[in-house]
Amino acid sequence: MNERPRKAARLTVSLEEQDYQALDKIARARDASISWVIRQAVRQFIETSSGLPPTPMPPGKPPESDK
């Protein structure tokens, strides 16, 4: 018997227009949904973060760069 996958959690995210447009372009190029593109990006981020805690950053403020 096939097991059903665990139900996914839902969330709402607000994006800047240029980010949304970029995601839409990527999704169309891959014949996929924007949701799928975001899920792939989240998985990749989790894998590359190596279990490190996230760095808090105020919304809309870019990280400081070394001068």
Protein backbone atom coordinates (compact mmCIF):
# COMPACT_ATOMS: atom_id res chain seq x y z
CA MET A 1 0.00 0.00 0.00
CA ASN A 2 1.29 3.48 -0.86
CA GLU A 3 1.67 5.93 2.01
CA ARG A 4 0.49 9.45 1.42
CA PRO A 5 3.13 12.13 1.94
CA ARG A 6 2.79 14.27 5.03
CA LYS A 7 0.61 17.30 4.44
CA ALA A 8 2.65 20.40 3.64
CA ALA A 9 2.51 23.51 5.80
CA ARG A 10 1.13 26.62 4.14
CA LEU A 11 2.41 30.13 4.57
CA THR A 12 2.00 33.54 3.02
CA VAL A 13 5.02 35.54 1.89
CA SER A 14 5.17 39.09 0.57
CA LEU A 15 7.76 39.68 -2.14
CA GLU A 16 9.05 42.79 -3.81
CA GLU A 17 7.69 43.08 -7.33
CA GLN A 18 11.08 42.49 -9.00
CA ASP A 19 11.60 39.29 -6.98
CA TYR A 20 8.15 38.03 -7.93
CA GLN A 21 8.80 38.78 -11.60
CA ALA A 22 12.13 36.95 -11.44
CA LEU A 23 10.47 33.90 -9.86
CA ASP A 24 7.73 33.98 -12.48
CA LYS A 25 10.32 34.05 -15.28
CA ILE A 26 12.19 31.09 -13.76
CA ALA A 27 8.97 29.13 -13.28
CA ARG A 28 7.84 29.72 -16.86
CA ALA A 29 11.26 28.67 -18.21
CA ARG A 30 11.00 25.41 -16.27
CA ASP A 31 7.31 24.88 -17.03
CA ALA A 32 6.70 24.83 -13.28
CA SER A 33 4.73 26.77 -10.70
CA ILE A 34 6.19 29.60 -8.66
CA SER A 35 5.44 27.52 -5.56
CA TRP A 36 7.62 24.71 -6.89
CA VAL A 37 10.48 27.14 -7.59
CA ILE A 38 10.22 28.55 -4.06
CA ARG A 39 10.13 25.04 -2.50
CA GLN A 40 13.29 24.12 -4.44
CA ALA A 41 15.01 27.33 -3.31
CA VAL A 42 14.06 26.67 0.32
CA ARG A 43 15.40 23.10 0.14
CA GLN A 44 18.65 24.33 -1.38
CA PHE A 45 18.98 27.03 1.28
CA ILE A 46 18.44 24.49 4.05
CA GLU A 47 20.99 22.09 2.55
CA THR A 48 23.65 24.78 2.16
CA SER A 49 23.07 26.28 5.59
CA SER A 50 24.59 23.19 7.23
CA GLY A 51 22.37 23.45 10.27
CA LEU A 52 23.58 26.92 11.18
CA PRO A 53 20.97 29.16 12.79
CA PRO A 54 19.52 31.82 10.49
CA THR A 55 21.00 35.29 10.65
CA PRO A 56 18.30 37.80 11.58
CA MET A 57 17.99 40.70 9.16
CA PRO A 58 15.45 43.51 9.32
CA PRO A 59 13.10 43.47 6.33
CA GLY A 60 14.16 45.67 3.45
CA LYS A 61 17.62 46.32 4.85
CA PRO A 62 20.53 44.84 2.87
CA PRO A 63 23.38 43.25 4.81
CA GLU A 64 26.29 45.56 5.56
CA SER A 65 29.19 45.19 3.19
CA ASP A 66 32.88 45.42 4.03
CA LYS A 67 34.37 48.64 2.78
